[in-house]
């Protein structure tokens, strides 16, 4: 970012800037500066926007948003589906490629659920 002293004030082009707004980065002179416990700003509009942002950030730090019951249920369903697909792929692969002992077990498991592979 440019140094504040290398540019002129946004409202007074002939006057050298003494700082930049904490909210928008606009250069300002001493006459335009709006001070706050949160920093220095180019206007009360930027000061108010920053204070609203800071208040919301503090609130989120105290009480972070949590996923609702539907979000947690959806994640659970996806995990179960992924597990079922992974186990199914392993069993089918063992049975199809006829791994000696595991292949027979896999074929028996597939036959239990009604899937028959050619011998």
PDB file of N, CA and C in Angstrom:
ATOM      1  N   UNK A   1       0.858  -1.165   0.000  1.00  0.00           N
ATOM      2  CA  UNK A   1       0.000   0.000   0.000  1.00  0.00           C
ATOM      3  C   UNK A   1       0.904   1.227   0.000  1.00  0.00           C
ATOM      4  N   UNK A   2       0.434   2.288  -0.634  1.00  0.00           N
ATOM      5  CA  UNK A   2       1.206   3.520  -0.688  1.00  0.00           C
ATOM      6  C   UNK A   2       1.312   4.166   0.676  1.00  0.00           C
ATOM      7  N   UNK A   3       2.408   4.855   0.888  1.00  0.00           N
ATOM      8  CA  UNK A   3       2.590   5.616   2.121  1.00  0.00           C
ATOM      9  C   UNK A   3       1.619   6.795   2.096  1.00  0.00           C
ATOM     10  N   UNK A   4       1.031   7.119   3.232  1.00  0.00           N
ATOM     11  CA  UNK A   4       0.043   8.202   3.301  1.00  0.00           C
ATOM     12  C   UNK A   4       0.637   9.538   2.914  1.00  0.00           C
ATOM     13  N   UNK A   5       1.907   9.740   3.130  1.00  0.00           N
ATOM     14  CA  UNK A   5       2.520  11.039   2.839  1.00  0.00           C
ATOM     15  C   UNK A   5       2.816  11.209   1.353  1.00  0.00           C
ATOM     16  N   UNK A   6       2.669  10.176   0.533  1.00  0.00           N
ATOM     17  CA  UNK A   6       2.955  10.279  -0.883  1.00  0.00           C
ATOM     18  C   UNK A   6       1.744  10.706  -1.701  1.00  0.00           C
ATOM     19  N   UNK A   7       0.603  10.943  -1.076  1.00  0.00           N
ATOM     20  CA  UNK A   7      -0.593  11.327  -1.818  1.00  0.00           C
ATOM     21  C   UNK A   7      -1.295  12.467  -1.110  1.00  0.00           C
ATOM     22  N   UNK A   8      -2.216  13.070  -1.847  1.00  0.00           N
ATOM     23  CA  UNK A   8      -2.967  14.182  -1.290  1.00  0.00           C
ATOM     24  C   UNK A   8      -4.275  13.727  -0.683  1.00  0.00           C
ATOM     25  N   UNK A   9      -4.844  14.594   0.134  1.00  0.00           N
ATOM     26  CA  UNK A   9      -6.122  14.330   0.777  1.00  0.00           C
ATOM     27  C   UNK A   9      -7.210  14.175  -0.286  1.00  0.00           C
ATOM     28  N   UNK A  10      -8.124  13.269  -0.070  1.00  0.00           N
ATOM     29  CA  UNK A  10      -9.207  13.019  -1.020  1.00  0.00           C
ATOM     30  C   UNK A  10     -10.132  14.232  -1.149  1.00  0.00           C
ATOM     31  N   UNK A  11     -10.322  14.966  -0.054  1.00  0.00           N
ATOM     32  CA  UNK A  11     -11.212  16.134  -0.071  1.00  0.00           C
ATOM     33  C   UNK A  11     -10.476  17.435  -0.364  1.00  0.00           C
ATOM     34  N   UNK A  12      -9.177  17.469  -0.095  1.00  0.00           N
ATOM     35  CA  UNK A  12      -8.360  18.673  -0.293  1.00  0.00           C
ATOM     36  C   UNK A  12      -7.125  18.281  -1.106  1.00  0.00           C
ATOM     37  N   UNK A  13      -7.228  18.247  -2.437  1.00  0.00           N
ATOM     38  CA  UNK A  13      -6.144  17.744  -3.282  1.00  0.00           C
ATOM     39  C   UNK A  13      -4.804  18.476  -3.102  1.00  0.00           C
ATOM     40  N   UNK A  14      -4.814  19.721  -2.706  1.00  0.00           N
ATOM     41  CA  UNK A  14      -3.568  20.462  -2.552  1.00  0.00           C
ATOM     42  C   UNK A  14      -2.856  20.201  -1.238  1.00  0.00           C
ATOM     43  N   UNK A  15      -3.507  19.517  -0.310  1.00  0.00           N
ATOM     44  CA  UNK A  15      -2.933  19.273   1.018  1.00  0.00           C
ATOM     45  C   UNK A  15      -2.443  17.831   1.102  1.00  0.00           C
ATOM     46  N   UNK A  16      -1.258  17.670   1.670  1.00  0.00           N
ATOM     47  CA  UNK A  16      -0.669  16.348   1.811  1.00  0.00           C
ATOM     48  C   UNK A  16      -1.460  15.516   2.832  1.00  0.00           C
ATOM     49  N   UNK A  17      -1.664  14.255   2.523  1.00  0.00           N
ATOM     50  CA  UNK A  17      -2.396  13.351   3.417  1.00  0.00           C
ATOM     51  C   UNK A  17      -1.551  13.022   4.639  1.00  0.00           C
ATOM     52  N   UNK A  18      -2.229  12.891   5.768  1.00  0.00           N
ATOM     53  CA  UNK A  18      -1.542  12.525   7.010  1.00  0.00           C
ATOM     54  C   UNK A  18      -1.846  11.084   7.424  1.00  0.00           C
ATOM     55  N   UNK A  19      -2.774  10.456   6.747  1.00  0.00           N
ATOM     56  CA  UNK A  19      -3.122   9.076   7.074  1.00  0.00           C
ATOM     57  C   UNK A  19      -4.067   8.483   6.045  1.00  0.00           C
ATOM     58  N   UNK A  20      -4.386   7.223   6.251  1.00  0.00           N
ATOM     59  CA  UNK A  20      -5.346   6.522   5.378  1.00  0.00           C
ATOM     60  C   UNK A  20      -6.444   5.926   6.246  1.00  0.00           C
ATOM     61  N   UNK A  21      -7.638   5.916   5.688  1.00  0.00           N
ATOM     62  CA  UNK A  21      -8.817   5.414   6.391  1.00  0.00           C
ATOM     63  C   UNK A  21      -8.667   3.921   6.682  1.00  0.00           C
ATOM     64  N   UNK A  22      -8.980   3.528   7.889  1.00  0.00           N
ATOM     65  CA  UNK A  22      -8.894   2.122   8.292  1.00  0.00           C
ATOM     66  C   UNK A  22      -9.939   1.275   7.574  1.00  0.00           C
ATOM     67  N   UNK A  23     -11.052   1.879   7.162  1.00  0.00           N
ATOM     68  CA  UNK A  23     -12.126   1.143   6.501  1.00  0.00           C
ATOM     69  C   UNK A  23     -11.898   1.033   4.991  1.00  0.00           C
ATOM     70  N   UNK A  24     -11.642   2.157   4.327  1.00  0.00           N
ATOM     71  CA  UNK A  24     -11.598   2.145   2.863  1.00  0.00           C
ATOM     72  C   UNK A  24     -10.225   2.440   2.275  1.00  0.00           C
ATOM     73  N   UNK A  25      -9.271   2.883   3.091  1.00  0.00           N
ATOM     74  CA  UNK A  25      -7.929   3.147   2.596  1.00  0.00           C
ATOM     75  C   UNK A  25      -7.746   4.495   1.923  1.00  0.00           C
ATOM     76  N   UNK A  26      -8.752   5.352   1.964  1.00  0.00           N
ATOM     77  CA  UNK A  26      -8.677   6.665   1.335  1.00  0.00           C
ATOM     78  C   UNK A  26      -7.725   7.570   2.116  1.00  0.00           C
ATOM     79  N   UNK A  27      -6.854   8.325   1.404  1.00  0.00           N
ATOM     80  CA  UNK A  27      -5.969   9.260   2.111  1.00  0.00           C
ATOM     81  C   UNK A  27      -6.747  10.475   2.618  1.00  0.00           C
ATOM     82  N   UNK A  28      -6.390  10.954   3.811  1.00  0.00           N
ATOM     83  CA  UNK A  28      -7.063  12.127   4.380  1.00  0.00           C
ATOM     84  C   UNK A  28      -6.040  13.029   5.045  1.00  0.00           C
ATOM     85  N   UNK A  29      -6.437  14.289   5.205  1.00  0.00           N
ATOM     86  CA  UNK A  29      -5.579  15.252   5.902  1.00  0.00           C
ATOM     87  C   UNK A  29      -6.055  15.391   7.348  1.00  0.00           C
ATOM     88  N   UNK A  30      -5.353  16.184   8.129  1.00  0.00           N
ATOM     89  CA  UNK A  30      -5.706  16.367   9.532  1.00  0.00           C
ATOM     90  C   UNK A  30      -7.083  16.972   9.722  1.00  0.00           C
ATOM     91  N   UNK A  31      -7.525  17.827   8.792  1.00  0.00           N
ATOM     92  CA  UNK A  31      -8.835  18.471   8.911  1.00  0.00           C
ATOM     93  C   UNK A  31      -9.975  17.483   8.659  1.00  0.00           C
ATOM     94  N   UNK A  32      -9.742  16.488   7.834  1.00  0.00           N
ATOM     95  CA  UNK A  32     -10.793  15.516   7.485  1.00  0.00           C
ATOM     96  C   UNK A  32     -10.810  14.302   8.419  1.00  0.00           C
ATOM     97  N   UNK A  33      -9.778  14.122   9.183  1.00  0.00           N
ATOM     98  CA  UNK A  33      -9.635  12.923  10.015  1.00  0.00           C
ATOM     99  C   UNK A  33     -10.746  12.800  11.052  1.00  0.00           C
ATOM    100  N   UNK A  34     -11.298  11.609  11.164  1.00  0.00           N
ATOM    101  CA  UNK A  34     -12.294  11.281  12.182  1.00  0.00           C
ATOM    102  C   UNK A  34     -11.670  10.203  13.059  1.00  0.00           C
ATOM    103  N   UNK A  35     -11.448  10.534  14.329  1.00  0.00           N
ATOM    104  CA  UNK A  35     -10.805   9.591  15.251  1.00  0.00           C
ATOM    105  C   UNK A  35     -11.849   8.792  16.021  1.00  0.00           C
ATOM    106  N   UNK A  36     -11.451   7.588  16.358  1.00  0.00           N
ATOM    107  CA  UNK A  36     -12.311   6.688  17.114  1.00  0.00           C
ATOM    108  C   UNK A  36     -11.391   5.792  17.933  1.00  0.00           C
ATOM    109  N   UNK A  37     -11.902   5.154  18.984  1.00  0.00           N
ATOM    110  CA  UNK A  37     -11.070   4.182  19.703  1.00  0.00           C
ATOM    111  C   UNK A  37     -10.616   3.034  18.796  1.00  0.00           C
ATOM    112  N   UNK A  38     -11.337   2.839  17.695  1.00  0.00           N
ATOM    113  CA  UNK A  38     -11.007   1.764  16.757  1.00  0.00           C
ATOM    114  C   UNK A  38      -9.996   2.172  15.698  1.00  0.00           C
ATOM    115  N   UNK A  39      -9.668   3.455  15.574  1.00  0.00           N
ATOM    116  CA  UNK A  39      -8.710   3.883  14.567  1.00  0.00           C
ATOM    117  C   UNK A  39      -9.042   5.249  13.999  1.00  0.00           C
ATOM    118  N   UNK A  40      -8.406   5.541  12.864  1.00  0.00           N
ATOM    119  CA  UNK A  40      -8.613   6.819  12.179  1.00  0.00           C
ATOM    120  C   UNK A  40      -9.333   6.565  10.866  1.00  0.00           C
ATOM    121  N   UNK A  41     -10.305   7.429  10.554  1.00  0.00           N
ATOM    122  CA  UNK A  41     -11.150   7.230   9.385  1.00  0.00           C
ATOM    123  C   UNK A  41     -11.267   8.516   8.583  1.00  0.00           C
ATOM    124  N   UNK A  42     -11.689   8.369   7.305  1.00  0.00           N
ATOM    125  CA  UNK A  42     -11.838   9.534   6.432  1.00  0.00           C
ATOM    126  C   UNK A  42     -13.174  10.229   6.634  1.00  0.00           C
ATOM    127  N   UNK A  43     -14.151   9.542   7.203  1.00  0.00           N
ATOM    128  CA  UNK A  43     -15.481  10.130   7.398  1.00  0.00           C
ATOM    129  C   UNK A  43     -16.224   9.375   8.499  1.00  0.00           C
ATOM    130  N   UNK A  44     -17.318   9.967   8.950  1.00  0.00           N
ATOM    131  CA  UNK A  44     -18.134   9.279   9.961  1.00  0.00           C
ATOM    132  C   UNK A  44     -18.823   8.063   9.361  1.00  0.00           C
ATOM    133  N   UNK A  45     -19.081   8.096   8.044  1.00  0.00           N
ATOM    134  CA  UNK A  45     -19.703   6.941   7.383  1.00  0.00           C
ATOM    135  C   UNK A  45     -18.774   5.724   7.492  1.00  0.00           C
ATOM    136  N   UNK A  46     -17.494   5.925   7.175  1.00  0.00           N
ATOM    137  CA  UNK A  46     -16.535   4.815   7.278  1.00  0.00           C
ATOM    138  C   UNK A  46     -16.356   4.382   8.733  1.00  0.00           C
ATOM    139  N   UNK A  47     -16.340   5.328   9.649  1.00  0.00           N
ATOM    140  CA  UNK A  47     -16.201   4.999  11.070  1.00  0.00           C
ATOM    141  C   UNK A  47     -17.373   4.129  11.518  1.00  0.00           C
ATOM    142  N   UNK A  48     -18.593   4.523  11.132  1.00  0.00           N
ATOM    143  CA  UNK A  48     -19.782   3.754  11.513  1.00  0.00           C
ATOM    144  C   UNK A  48     -19.769   2.358  10.891  1.00  0.00           C
ATOM    145  N   UNK A  49     -19.368   2.256   9.613  1.00  0.00           N
ATOM    146  CA  UNK A  49     -19.297   0.949   8.955  1.00  0.00           C
ATOM    147  C   UNK A  49     -18.311   0.031   9.675  1.00  0.00           C
ATOM    148  N   UNK A  50     -17.154   0.597  10.033  1.00  0.00           N
ATOM    149  CA  UNK A  50     -16.145  -0.211  10.710  1.00  0.00           C
ATOM    150  C   UNK A  50     -16.622  -0.640  12.095  1.00  0.00           C
ATOM    151  N   UNK A  51     -17.280   0.247  12.817  1.00  0.00           N
ATOM    152  CA  UNK A  51     -17.773  -0.101  14.155  1.00  0.00           C
ATOM    153  C   UNK A  51     -18.845  -1.180  14.077  1.00  0.00           C
ATOM    154  N   UNK A  52     -19.705  -1.134  13.043  1.00  0.00           N
ATOM    155  CA  UNK A  52     -20.699  -2.197  12.859  1.00  0.00           C
ATOM    156  C   UNK A  52     -20.006  -3.526  12.559  1.00  0.00           C
ATOM    157  N   UNK A  53     -18.986  -3.460  11.706  1.00  0.00           N
ATOM    158  CA  UNK A  53     -18.227  -4.667  11.379  1.00  0.00           C
ATOM    159  C   UNK A  53     -17.547  -5.239  12.625  1.00  0.00           C
ATOM    160  N   UNK A  54     -16.910  -4.377  13.411  1.00  0.00           N
ATOM    161  CA  UNK A  54     -16.203  -4.828  14.611  1.00  0.00           C
ATOM    162  C   UNK A  54     -17.173  -5.434  15.630  1.00  0.00           C
ATOM    163  N   UNK A  55     -18.361  -4.828  15.770  1.00  0.00           N
ATOM    164  CA  UNK A  55     -19.356  -5.358  16.705  1.00  0.00           C
ATOM    165  C   UNK A  55     -19.826  -6.744  16.257  1.00  0.00           C
ATOM    166  N   UNK A  56     -20.055  -6.901  14.971  1.00  0.00           N
ATOM    167  CA  UNK A  56     -20.494  -8.203  14.442  1.00  0.00           C
ATOM    168  C   UNK A  56     -19.389  -9.254  14.615  1.00  0.00           C
ATOM    169  N   UNK A  57     -18.142  -8.855  14.377  1.00  0.00           N
ATOM    170  CA  UNK A  57     -17.026  -9.790  14.552  1.00  0.00           C
ATOM    171  C   UNK A  57     -16.901 -10.234  16.005  1.00  0.00           C
ATOM    172  N   UNK A  58     -17.079  -9.298  16.938  1.00  0.00           N
ATOM    173  CA  UNK A  58     -17.030  -9.672  18.360  1.00  0.00           C
ATOM    174  C   UNK A  58     -18.163 -10.634  18.698  1.00  0.00           C
ATOM    175  N   UNK A  59     -19.350 -10.384  18.150  1.00  0.00           N
ATOM    176  CA  UNK A  59     -20.498 -11.250  18.408  1.00  0.00           C
ATOM    177  C   UNK A  59     -20.239 -12.659  17.860  1.00  0.00           C
ATOM    178  N   UNK A  60     -19.649 -12.750  16.663  1.00  0.00           N
ATOM    179  CA  UNK A  60     -19.351 -14.058  16.087  1.00  0.00           C
ATOM    180  C   UNK A  60     -18.256 -14.775  16.868  1.00  0.00           C
ATOM    181  N   UNK A  61     -17.318 -14.027  17.437  1.00  0.00           N
ATOM    182  CA  UNK A  61     -16.285 -14.651  18.263  1.00  0.00           C
ATOM    183  C   UNK A  61     -16.888 -15.273  19.512  1.00  0.00           C
ATOM    184  N   UNK A  62     -17.889 -14.606  20.102  1.00  0.00           N
ATOM    185  CA  UNK A  62     -18.534 -15.125  21.306  1.00  0.00           C
ATOM    186  C   UNK A  62     -19.441 -16.310  20.995  1.00  0.00           C
ATOM    187  N   UNK A  63     -20.178 -16.215  19.891  1.00  0.00           N
ATOM    188  CA  UNK A  63     -21.161 -17.239  19.524  1.00  0.00           C
ATOM    189  C   UNK A  63     -20.981 -17.600  18.056  1.00  0.00           C
ATOM    190  N   UNK A  64     -20.019 -18.471  17.734  1.00  0.00           N
ATOM    191  CA  UNK A  64     -19.829 -18.833  16.326  1.00  0.00           C
ATOM    192  C   UNK A  64     -21.058 -19.559  15.783  1.00  0.00           C
ATOM    193  N   UNK A  65     -21.359 -19.343  14.494  1.00  0.00           N
ATOM    194  CA  UNK A  65     -22.533 -20.004  13.913  1.00  0.00           C
ATOM    195  C   UNK A  65     -22.332 -21.517  13.882  1.00  0.00           C
ATOM    196  N   UNK A  66     -23.392 -22.242  14.183  1.00  0.00           N
ATOM    197  CA  UNK A  66     -23.345 -23.694  14.158  1.00  0.00           C
ATOM    198  C   UNK A  66     -24.302 -24.191  13.097  1.00  0.00           C
ATOM    199  N   UNK A  67     -23.952 -25.313  12.523  1.00  0.00           N
ATOM    200  CA  UNK A  67     -24.845 -25.915  11.544  1.00  0.00           C
ATOM    201  C   UNK A  67     -26.095 -26.420  12.233  1.00  0.00           C
ATOM    202  N   UNK A  68     -27.221 -26.272  11.594  1.00  0.00           N
ATOM    203  CA  UNK A  68     -28.475 -26.752  12.154  1.00  0.00           C
ATOM    204  C   UNK A  68     -28.556 -28.263  12.102  1.00  0.00           C
ATOM    205  N   UNK A  69     -29.648 -28.777  12.591  1.00  0.00           N
ATOM    206  CA  UNK A  69     -29.856 -30.223  12.627  1.00  0.00           C
ATOM    207  C   UNK A  69     -29.873 -30.804  11.222  1.00  0.00           C
ATOM    208  N   UNK A  70     -30.421 -30.063  10.260  1.00  0.00           N
ATOM    209  CA  UNK A  70     -30.457 -30.575   8.886  1.00  0.00           C
ATOM    210  C   UNK A  70     -29.054 -30.685   8.302  1.00  0.00           C
ATOM    211  N   UNK A  71     -28.204 -29.705   8.605  1.00  0.00           N
ATOM    212  CA  UNK A  71     -26.833 -29.753   8.104  1.00  0.00           C
ATOM    213  C   UNK A  71     -26.088 -30.938   8.701  1.00  0.00           C
ATOM    214  N   UNK A  72     -26.234 -31.158   9.991  1.00  0.00           N
ATOM    215  CA  UNK A  72     -25.563 -32.291  10.628  1.00  0.00           C
ATOM    216  C   UNK A  72     -26.102 -33.616  10.099  1.00  0.00           C
ATOM    217  N   UNK A  73     -27.411 -33.698   9.870  1.00  0.00           N
ATOM    218  CA  UNK A  73     -28.009 -34.913   9.319  1.00  0.00           C
ATOM    219  C   UNK A  73     -27.495 -35.167   7.905  1.00  0.00           C
ATOM    220  N   UNK A  74     -27.404 -34.127   7.110  1.00  0.00           N
ATOM    221  CA  UNK A  74     -26.916 -34.256   5.738  1.00  0.00           C
ATOM    222  C   UNK A  74     -25.467 -34.769   5.738  1.00  0.00           C
ATOM    223  N   UNK A  75     -24.638 -34.233   6.604  1.00  0.00           N
ATOM    224  CA  UNK A  75     -23.245 -34.678   6.690  1.00  0.00           C
ATOM    225  C   UNK A  75     -23.179 -36.140   7.112  1.00  0.00           C
ATOM    226  N   UNK A  76     -24.013 -36.526   8.085  1.00  0.00           N
ATOM    227  CA  UNK A  76     -24.054 -37.911   8.539  1.00  0.00           C
ATOM    228  C   UNK A  76     -24.454 -38.850   7.403  1.00  0.00           C
ATOM    229  N   UNK A  77     -25.468 -38.477   6.639  1.00  0.00           N
ATOM    230  CA  UNK A  77     -25.937 -39.314   5.527  1.00  0.00           C
ATOM    231  C   UNK A  77     -24.836 -39.466   4.482  1.00  0.00           C
ATOM    232  N   UNK A  78     -24.129 -38.380   4.171  1.00  0.00           N
ATOM    233  CA  UNK A  78     -23.045 -38.469   3.192  1.00  0.00           C
ATOM    234  C   UNK A  78     -21.915 -39.363   3.692  1.00  0.00           C
ATOM    235  N   UNK A  79     -21.610 -39.309   4.967  1.00  0.00           N
ATOM    236  CA  UNK A  79     -20.562 -40.168   5.513  1.00  0.00           C
ATOM    237  C   UNK A  79     -20.963 -41.629   5.423  1.00  0.00           C
ATOM    238  N   UNK A  80     -22.203 -41.939   5.775  1.00  0.00           N
ATOM    239  CA  UNK A  80     -22.685 -43.326   5.704  1.00  0.00           C
ATOM    240  C   UNK A  80     -22.692 -43.811   4.263  1.00  0.00           C
ATOM    241  N   UNK A  81     -23.174 -42.965   3.346  1.00  0.00           N
ATOM    242  CA  UNK A  81     -23.210 -43.349   1.935  1.00  0.00           C
ATOM    243  C   UNK A  81     -21.796 -43.615   1.415  1.00  0.00           C
ATOM    244  N   UNK A  82     -20.856 -42.771   1.803  1.00  0.00           N
ATOM    245  CA  UNK A  82     -19.474 -42.975   1.382  1.00  0.00           C
ATOM    246  C   UNK A  82     -18.899 -44.273   1.928  1.00  0.00           C
ATOM    247  N   UNK A  83     -19.205 -44.559   3.171  1.00  0.00           N
ATOM    248  CA  UNK A  83     -18.734 -45.800   3.778  1.00  0.00           C
ATOM    249  C   UNK A  83     -19.332 -47.014   3.071  1.00  0.00           C
ATOM    250  N   UNK A  84     -20.623 -46.972   2.792  1.00  0.00           N
ATOM    251  CA  UNK A  84     -21.288 -48.087   2.101  1.00  0.00           C
ATOM    252  C   UNK A  84     -20.691 -48.280   0.709  1.00  0.00           C
ATOM    253  N   UNK A  85     -20.472 -47.193  -0.015  1.00  0.00           N
ATOM    254  CA  UNK A  85     -19.885 -47.305  -1.352  1.00  0.00           C
ATOM    255  C   UNK A  85     -18.464 -47.865  -1.298  1.00  0.00           C
ATOM    256  N   UNK A  86     -17.681 -47.423  -0.314  1.00  0.00           N
ATOM    257  CA  UNK A  86     -16.313 -47.916  -0.197  1.00  0.00           C
ATOM    258  C   UNK A  86     -16.289 -49.404   0.119  1.00  0.00           C
ATOM    259  N   UNK A  87     -17.096 -49.813   1.085  1.00  0.00           N
ATOM    260  CA  UNK A  87     -17.152 -51.240   1.438  1.00  0.00           C
ATOM    261  C   UNK A  87     -17.679 -52.052   0.256  1.00  0.00           C
ATOM    262  N   UNK A  88     -18.694 -51.554  -0.415  1.00  0.00           N
ATOM    263  CA  UNK A  88     -19.235 -52.249  -1.585  1.00  0.00           C
ATOM    264  C   UNK A  88     -18.197 -52.407  -2.682  1.00  0.00           C
ATOM    265  N   UNK A  89     -17.430 -51.371  -2.927  1.00  0.00           N
ATOM    266  CA  UNK A  89     -16.386 -51.440  -3.957  1.00  0.00           C
ATOM    267  C   UNK A  89     -15.320 -52.462  -3.586  1.00  0.00           C
ATOM    268  N   UNK A  90     -14.952 -52.492  -2.328  1.00  0.00           N
ATOM    269  CA  UNK A  90     -13.939 -53.461  -1.877  1.00  0.00           C
ATOM    270  C   UNK A  90     -14.464 -54.885  -2.029  1.00  0.00           C
ATOM    271  N   UNK A  91     -15.674 -55.136  -1.568  1.00  0.00           N
ATOM    272  CA  UNK A  91     -16.253 -56.483  -1.643  1.00  0.00           C
ATOM    273  C   UNK A  91     -16.416 -56.905  -3.101  1.00  0.00           C
ATOM    274  N   UNK A  92     -16.935 -56.009  -3.938  1.00  0.00           N
ATOM    275  CA  UNK A  92     -17.129 -56.336  -5.353  1.00  0.00           C
ATOM    276  C   UNK A  92     -15.784 -56.595  -6.023  1.00  0.00           C
ATOM    277  N   UNK A  93     -14.790 -55.772  -5.688  1.00  0.00           N
ATOM    278  CA  UNK A  93     -13.465 -55.964  -6.271  1.00  0.00           C
ATOM    279  C   UNK A  93     -12.851 -57.291  -5.866  1.00  0.00           C
ATOM    280  N   UNK A  94     -12.995 -57.657  -4.604  1.00  0.00           N
ATOM    281  CA  UNK A  94     -12.462 -58.939  -4.142  1.00  0.00           C
ATOM    282  C   UNK A  94     -13.154 -60.102  -4.834  1.00  0.00           C
ATOM    283  N   UNK A  95     -14.462 -60.002  -4.992  1.00  0.00           N
ATOM    284  CA  UNK A  95     -15.220 -61.088  -5.605  1.00  0.00           C
ATOM    285  C   UNK A  95     -14.966 -61.167  -7.112  1.00  0.00           C
ATOM    286  N   UNK A  96     -14.900 -60.042  -7.765  1.00  0.00           N
ATOM    287  CA  UNK A  96     -14.761 -60.015  -9.224  1.00  0.00           C
ATOM    288  C   UNK A  96     -13.373 -60.469  -9.650  1.00  0.00           C
ATOM    289  N   UNK A  97     -12.346 -60.049  -8.925  1.00  0.00           N
ATOM    290  CA  UNK A  97     -10.982 -60.409  -9.306  1.00  0.00           C
ATOM    291  C   UNK A  97     -10.546 -61.730  -8.680  1.00  0.00           C
ATOM    292  N   UNK A  98     -11.459 -62.374  -7.970  1.00  0.00           N
ATOM    293  CA  UNK A  98     -11.253 -63.710  -7.416  1.00  0.00           C
ATOM    294  C   UNK A  98      -9.958 -63.828  -6.619  1.00  0.00           C
ATOM    295  N   UNK A  99      -9.860 -63.017  -5.583  1.00  0.00           N
ATOM    296  CA  UNK A  99      -8.774 -63.130  -4.618  1.00  0.00           C
ATOM    297  C   UNK A  99      -9.050 -64.412  -3.837  1.00  0.00           C
ATOM    298  N   UNK A 100      -8.062 -65.307  -3.676  1.00  0.00           N
ATOM    299  CA  UNK A 100      -8.324 -66.663  -3.183  1.00  0.00           C
ATOM    300  C   UNK A 100      -9.307 -66.787  -2.022  1.00  0.00           C
ATOM    301  N   UNK A 101      -8.970 -66.408  -0.826  1.00  0.00           N
ATOM    302  CA  UNK A 101      -9.860 -66.618   0.313  1.00  0.00           C
ATOM    303  C   UNK A 101     -10.871 -65.484   0.408  1.00  0.00           C
ATOM    304  N   UNK A 102     -10.389 -64.265   0.300  1.00  0.00           N
ATOM    305  CA  UNK A 102     -11.267 -63.109   0.431  1.00  0.00           C
ATOM    306  C   UNK A 102     -12.304 -63.072  -0.686  1.00  0.00           C
ATOM    307  N   UNK A 103     -11.936 -63.574  -1.853  1.00  0.00           N
ATOM    308  CA  UNK A 103     -12.874 -63.595  -2.978  1.00  0.00           C
ATOM    309  C   UNK A 103     -14.079 -64.473  -2.692  1.00  0.00           C
ATOM    310  N   UNK A 104     -13.842 -65.639  -2.087  1.00  0.00           N
ATOM    311  CA  UNK A 104     -14.968 -66.532  -1.750  1.00  0.00           C
ATOM    312  C   UNK A 104     -15.878 -65.881  -0.715  1.00  0.00           C
ATOM    313  N   UNK A 105     -15.268 -65.223   0.271  1.00  0.00           N
ATOM    314  CA  UNK A 105     -16.068 -64.538   1.301  1.00  0.00           C
ATOM    315  C   UNK A 105     -16.865 -63.403   0.667  1.00  0.00           C
ATOM    316  N   UNK A 106     -16.218 -62.669  -0.213  1.00  0.00           N
ATOM    317  CA  UNK A 106     -16.893 -61.541  -0.863  1.00  0.00           C
ATOM    318  C   UNK A 106     -18.048 -62.029  -1.732  1.00  0.00           C
ATOM    319  N   UNK A 107     -17.825 -63.136  -2.466  1.00  0.00           N
ATOM    320  CA  UNK A 107     -18.914 -63.685  -3.288  1.00  0.00           C
ATOM    321  C   UNK A 107     -20.089 -64.130  -2.415  1.00  0.00           C
ATOM    322  N   UNK A 108     -19.780 -64.735  -1.272  1.00  0.00           N
ATOM    323  CA  UNK A 108     -20.850 -65.173  -0.366  1.00  0.00           C
ATOM    324  C   UNK A 108     -21.627 -63.959   0.159  1.00  0.00           C
ATOM    325  N   UNK A 109     -20.917 -62.898   0.514  1.00  0.00           N
ATOM    326  CA  UNK A 109     -21.599 -61.684   0.988  1.00  0.00           C
ATOM    327  C   UNK A 109     -22.473 -61.066  -0.102  1.00  0.00           C
ATOM    328  N   UNK A 110     -21.950 -61.042  -1.329  1.00  0.00           N
ATOM    329  CA  UNK A 110     -22.738 -60.483  -2.433  1.00  0.00           C
ATOM    330  C   UNK A 110     -23.970 -61.340  -2.715  1.00  0.00           C
ATOM    331  N   UNK A 111     -23.838 -62.658  -2.603  1.00  0.00           N
ATOM    332  CA  UNK A 111     -24.978 -63.535  -2.819  1.00  0.00           C
ATOM    333  C   UNK A 111     -26.040 -63.333  -1.734  1.00  0.00           C
ATOM    334  N   UNK A 112     -25.590 -63.005  -0.515  1.00  0.00           N
ATOM    335  CA  UNK A 112     -26.553 -62.740   0.568  1.00  0.00           C
ATOM    336  C   UNK A 112     -27.437 -61.538   0.260  1.00  0.00           C
ATOM    337  N   UNK A 113     -26.865 -60.551  -0.408  1.00  0.00           N
ATOM    338  CA  UNK A 113     -27.666 -59.354  -0.725  1.00  0.00           C
ATOM    339  C   UNK A 113     -28.291 -59.440  -2.110  1.00  0.00           C
ATOM    340  N   UNK A 114     -28.105 -60.580  -2.792  1.00  0.00           N
ATOM    341  CA  UNK A 114     -28.794 -60.789  -4.061  1.00  0.00           C
ATOM    342  C   UNK A 114     -27.996 -60.420  -5.299  1.00  0.00           C
ATOM    343  N   UNK A 115     -26.684 -60.263  -5.181  1.00  0.00           N
ATOM    344  CA  UNK A 115     -25.852 -59.963  -6.349  1.00  0.00           C
ATOM    345  C   UNK A 115     -25.065 -61.226  -6.693  1.00  0.00           C
ATOM    346  N   UNK A 116     -25.264 -61.709  -7.908  1.00  0.00           N
ATOM    347  CA  UNK A 116     -24.579 -62.908  -8.338  1.00  0.00           C
ATOM    348  C   UNK A 116     -23.609 -62.569  -9.444  1.00  0.00           C
ATOM    349  N   UNK A 117     -22.358 -62.944  -9.259  1.00  0.00           N
ATOM    350  CA  UNK A 117     -21.333 -62.708 -10.254  1.00  0.00           C
ATOM    351  C   UNK A 117     -21.089 -63.990 -11.029  1.00  0.00           C
ATOM    352  N   UNK A 118     -20.735 -63.878 -12.323  1.00  0.00           N
ATOM    353  CA  UNK A 118     -20.436 -65.089 -13.084  1.00  0.00           C
ATOM    354  C   UNK A 118     -19.181 -65.767 -12.527  1.00  0.00           C
ATOM    355  N   UNK A 119     -19.170 -67.075 -12.560  1.00  0.00           N
ATOM    356  CA  UNK A 119     -18.032 -67.841 -12.016  1.00  0.00           C
ATOM    357  C   UNK A 119     -16.849 -67.764 -12.934  1.00  0.00           C
TER     358      UNK A 119
END
